[in-house]
Amino acid sequence: MKKGESVDRALKRLKSKLDSEGILEEMRRRRAFETPAERRRRKSRTASKRHRVRWRYQSEGQDRAEAAKEAAKDKS
């Protein structure tokens, strides 16, 4: 808590930090057993969201660098 900050504001800051790091989501997920099929479904959903965001902010230079990296990986 910062000096002179209200408790409500500090709680809001803490909750937003936990949310941005994914801690609350992981805690909810670990409450119950997750079957392997559910795990695959969840991972594919999050991967598609992650890739969508990645491609939105990627420039041409990054595209070329990533393509070169993939080509080098394929050669080895």
N, C-alpha and C. Protein backbone atom coordinates (compact mmCIF):
# COMPACT_ATOMS: atom_id res chain seq x y z
N MET A 1 0.84 -1.17 0.00
CA MET A 1 0.00 0.00 0.00
C MET A 1 0.88 1.24 0.00
N LYS A 2 0.59 2.14 -0.91
CA LYS A 2 1.35 3.38 -0.98
C LYS A 2 0.92 4.33 0.13
N LYS A 3 1.80 5.21 0.49
CA LYS A 3 1.50 6.16 1.57
C LYS A 3 0.34 7.06 1.17
N GLY A 4 -0.66 7.16 2.04
CA GLY A 4 -1.81 8.00 1.78
C GLY A 4 -2.85 7.38 0.85
N GLU A 5 -2.66 6.11 0.45
CA GLU A 5 -3.59 5.45 -0.47
C GLU A 5 -4.71 4.76 0.33
N SER A 6 -5.93 4.84 -0.16
CA SER A 6 -7.03 4.19 0.55
C SER A 6 -6.96 2.67 0.36
N VAL A 7 -7.59 1.96 1.27
CA VAL A 7 -7.60 0.50 1.23
C VAL A 7 -8.30 0.02 -0.04
N ASP A 8 -9.39 0.68 -0.41
CA ASP A 8 -10.12 0.28 -1.62
C ASP A 8 -9.25 0.38 -2.86
N ARG A 9 -8.50 1.46 -2.95
CA ARG A 9 -7.63 1.68 -4.11
C ARG A 9 -6.52 0.63 -4.16
N ALA A 10 -5.95 0.31 -2.98
CA ALA A 10 -4.90 -0.70 -2.91
C ALA A 10 -5.44 -2.07 -3.32
N LEU A 11 -6.66 -2.41 -2.88
CA LEU A 11 -7.27 -3.68 -3.27
C LEU A 11 -7.51 -3.74 -4.77
N LYS A 12 -7.97 -2.63 -5.32
CA LYS A 12 -8.21 -2.58 -6.76
C LYS A 12 -6.91 -2.80 -7.53
N ARG A 13 -5.82 -2.18 -7.05
CA ARG A 13 -4.51 -2.34 -7.69
C ARG A 13 -4.06 -3.80 -7.61
N LEU A 14 -4.24 -4.42 -6.44
CA LEU A 14 -3.85 -5.81 -6.25
C LEU A 14 -4.66 -6.73 -7.18
N LYS A 15 -5.97 -6.53 -7.25
CA LYS A 15 -6.82 -7.36 -8.09
C LYS A 15 -6.44 -7.22 -9.56
N SER A 16 -6.14 -6.01 -10.00
CA SER A 16 -5.78 -5.83 -11.41
C SER A 16 -4.44 -6.48 -11.71
N LYS A 17 -3.51 -6.44 -10.76
CA LYS A 17 -2.21 -7.08 -10.96
C LYS A 17 -2.37 -8.60 -11.02
N LEU A 18 -3.17 -9.17 -10.11
CA LEU A 18 -3.42 -10.61 -10.13
C LEU A 18 -4.10 -11.03 -11.42
N ASP A 19 -5.03 -10.22 -11.90
CA ASP A 19 -5.75 -10.53 -13.12
C ASP A 19 -4.82 -10.48 -14.33
N SER A 20 -3.96 -9.48 -14.37
CA SER A 20 -3.07 -9.35 -15.53
C SER A 20 -2.05 -10.49 -15.58
N GLU A 21 -1.67 -11.03 -14.42
CA GLU A 21 -0.71 -12.13 -14.39
C GLU A 21 -1.39 -13.49 -14.53
N GLY A 22 -2.72 -13.53 -14.49
CA GLY A 22 -3.45 -14.78 -14.70
C GLY A 22 -3.51 -15.67 -13.47
N ILE A 23 -3.22 -15.13 -12.31
CA ILE A 23 -3.19 -15.94 -11.09
C ILE A 23 -4.60 -16.38 -10.69
N LEU A 24 -5.57 -15.47 -10.76
CA LEU A 24 -6.93 -15.82 -10.37
C LEU A 24 -7.52 -16.88 -11.30
N GLU A 25 -7.25 -16.75 -12.58
CA GLU A 25 -7.76 -17.72 -13.56
C GLU A 25 -7.17 -19.10 -13.30
N GLU A 26 -5.87 -19.15 -13.00
CA GLU A 26 -5.23 -20.43 -12.72
C GLU A 26 -5.77 -21.05 -11.44
N MET A 27 -6.03 -20.22 -10.44
CA MET A 27 -6.58 -20.71 -9.18
C MET A 27 -7.96 -21.33 -9.42
N ARG A 28 -8.80 -20.66 -10.19
CA ARG A 28 -10.13 -21.21 -10.49
C ARG A 28 -10.01 -22.52 -11.26
N ARG A 29 -9.06 -22.57 -12.17
CA ARG A 29 -8.87 -23.77 -13.00
C ARG A 29 -8.42 -24.95 -12.15
N ARG A 30 -7.58 -24.72 -11.16
CA ARG A 30 -7.04 -25.81 -10.34
C ARG A 30 -8.00 -26.30 -9.27
N ARG A 31 -9.13 -25.65 -9.09
CA ARG A 31 -10.09 -26.07 -8.07
C ARG A 31 -10.64 -27.46 -8.35
N ALA A 32 -10.84 -27.79 -9.62
CA ALA A 32 -11.43 -29.08 -9.98
C ALA A 32 -10.53 -29.79 -10.96
N PHE A 33 -10.67 -31.11 -11.02
CA PHE A 33 -9.87 -31.91 -11.95
C PHE A 33 -10.24 -31.55 -13.39
N GLU A 34 -9.23 -31.49 -14.22
CA GLU A 34 -9.43 -31.16 -15.63
C GLU A 34 -9.00 -32.36 -16.46
N THR A 35 -9.90 -32.89 -17.28
CA THR A 35 -9.56 -34.05 -18.09
C THR A 35 -8.58 -33.62 -19.19
N PRO A 36 -7.83 -34.56 -19.74
CA PRO A 36 -6.90 -34.21 -20.81
C PRO A 36 -7.59 -33.56 -22.01
N ALA A 37 -8.81 -33.99 -22.32
CA ALA A 37 -9.54 -33.40 -23.45
C ALA A 37 -9.89 -31.94 -23.15
N GLU A 38 -10.33 -31.67 -21.91
CA GLU A 38 -10.64 -30.29 -21.53
C GLU A 38 -9.39 -29.43 -21.57
N ARG A 39 -8.28 -30.00 -21.15
CA ARG A 39 -7.01 -29.26 -21.15
C ARG A 39 -6.61 -28.88 -22.58
N ARG A 40 -6.72 -29.82 -23.51
CA ARG A 40 -6.39 -29.53 -24.91
C ARG A 40 -7.30 -28.43 -25.46
N ARG A 41 -8.60 -28.53 -25.15
CA ARG A 41 -9.54 -27.51 -25.63
C ARG A 41 -9.19 -26.14 -25.09
N ARG A 42 -8.88 -26.08 -23.78
CA ARG A 42 -8.54 -24.80 -23.16
C ARG A 42 -7.26 -24.23 -23.76
N LYS A 43 -6.27 -25.07 -23.94
CA LYS A 43 -5.00 -24.59 -24.50
C LYS A 43 -5.16 -24.11 -25.94
N SER A 44 -5.98 -24.79 -26.74
CA SER A 44 -6.18 -24.35 -28.13
C SER A 44 -6.93 -23.02 -28.17
N ARG A 45 -7.89 -22.83 -27.26
CA ARG A 45 -8.61 -21.55 -27.19
C ARG A 45 -7.67 -20.41 -26.83
N THR A 46 -6.84 -20.62 -25.81
CA THR A 46 -5.94 -19.54 -25.39
C THR A 46 -4.87 -19.29 -26.44
N ALA A 47 -4.42 -20.35 -27.13
CA ALA A 47 -3.40 -20.17 -28.16
C ALA A 47 -3.94 -19.34 -29.31
N SER A 48 -5.18 -19.59 -29.70
CA SER A 48 -5.74 -18.82 -30.81
C SER A 48 -5.87 -17.34 -30.43
N LYS A 49 -6.26 -17.06 -29.18
CA LYS A 49 -6.33 -15.66 -28.74
C LYS A 49 -4.94 -15.03 -28.74
N ARG A 50 -3.95 -15.77 -28.24
CA ARG A 50 -2.59 -15.26 -28.15
C ARG A 50 -2.03 -14.97 -29.55
N HIS A 51 -2.26 -15.87 -30.50
CA HIS A 51 -1.76 -15.67 -31.85
C HIS A 51 -2.45 -14.49 -32.54
N ARG A 52 -3.75 -14.33 -32.28
CA ARG A 52 -4.48 -13.22 -32.87
C ARG A 52 -3.88 -11.88 -32.43
N VAL A 53 -3.58 -11.77 -31.15
CA VAL A 53 -2.98 -10.53 -30.62
C VAL A 53 -1.58 -10.36 -31.17
N ARG A 54 -0.82 -11.45 -31.26
CA ARG A 54 0.55 -11.36 -31.74
C ARG A 54 0.59 -10.85 -33.18
N TRP A 55 -0.28 -11.38 -34.04
CA TRP A 55 -0.27 -10.97 -35.45
C TRP A 55 -0.75 -9.54 -35.63
N ARG A 56 -1.61 -9.07 -34.74
CA ARG A 56 -2.12 -7.71 -34.85
C ARG A 56 -1.01 -6.68 -34.69
N TYR A 57 -0.05 -6.97 -33.82
CA TYR A 57 0.99 -6.00 -33.51
C TYR A 57 2.34 -6.31 -34.15
N GLN A 58 2.38 -7.26 -35.06
CA GLN A 58 3.65 -7.65 -35.66
C GLN A 58 3.91 -6.85 -36.93
N SER A 59 5.13 -6.36 -37.07
CA SER A 59 5.48 -5.58 -38.25
C SER A 59 6.11 -6.48 -39.32
N GLU A 60 6.37 -5.91 -40.49
CA GLU A 60 6.97 -6.69 -41.58
C GLU A 60 8.35 -7.21 -41.22
N GLY A 61 9.14 -6.39 -40.57
CA GLY A 61 10.48 -6.80 -40.16
C GLY A 61 10.45 -7.99 -39.22
N GLN A 62 9.49 -7.99 -38.32
CA GLN A 62 9.36 -9.11 -37.40
C GLN A 62 8.92 -10.36 -38.15
N ASP A 63 8.06 -10.18 -39.17
CA ASP A 63 7.62 -11.32 -39.97
C ASP A 63 8.81 -11.98 -40.66
N ARG A 64 9.67 -11.16 -41.26
CA ARG A 64 10.85 -11.70 -41.96
C ARG A 64 11.80 -12.39 -40.98
N ALA A 65 12.00 -11.79 -39.82
CA ALA A 65 12.90 -12.39 -38.83
C ALA A 65 12.36 -13.72 -38.35
N GLU A 66 11.05 -13.80 -38.13
CA GLU A 66 10.44 -15.04 -37.69
C GLU A 66 10.52 -16.11 -38.78
N ALA A 67 10.33 -15.71 -40.03
CA ALA A 67 10.42 -16.67 -41.15
C ALA A 67 11.84 -17.21 -41.26
N ALA A 68 12.84 -16.34 -41.07
CA ALA A 68 14.23 -16.77 -41.13
C ALA A 68 14.54 -17.74 -39.99
N LYS A 69 13.99 -17.45 -38.83
CA LYS A 69 14.21 -18.33 -37.68
C LYS A 69 13.59 -19.69 -37.93
N GLU A 70 12.40 -19.72 -38.51
CA GLU A 70 11.73 -21.00 -38.82
C GLU A 70 12.53 -21.78 -39.86
N ALA A 71 13.05 -21.08 -40.86
CA ALA A 71 13.84 -21.74 -41.91
C ALA A 71 15.10 -22.36 -41.31
N ALA A 72 15.75 -21.64 -40.40
CA ALA A 72 16.95 -22.16 -39.77
C ALA A 72 16.63 -23.38 -38.91
N LYS A 73 15.48 -23.36 -38.26
CA LYS A 73 15.08 -24.47 -37.42
C LYS A 73 14.79 -25.70 -38.27
N ASP A 74 14.17 -25.49 -39.46
CA ASP A 74 13.85 -26.60 -40.35
C ASP A 74 15.10 -27.27 -40.91
N LYS A 75 16.16 -26.46 -41.14
CA LYS A 75 17.40 -27.01 -41.69
C LYS A 75 18.10 -27.93 -40.72
N SER A 76 18.01 -27.62 -39.42
CA SER A 76 18.74 -28.42 -38.44
C SER A 76 17.98 -29.64 -37.97
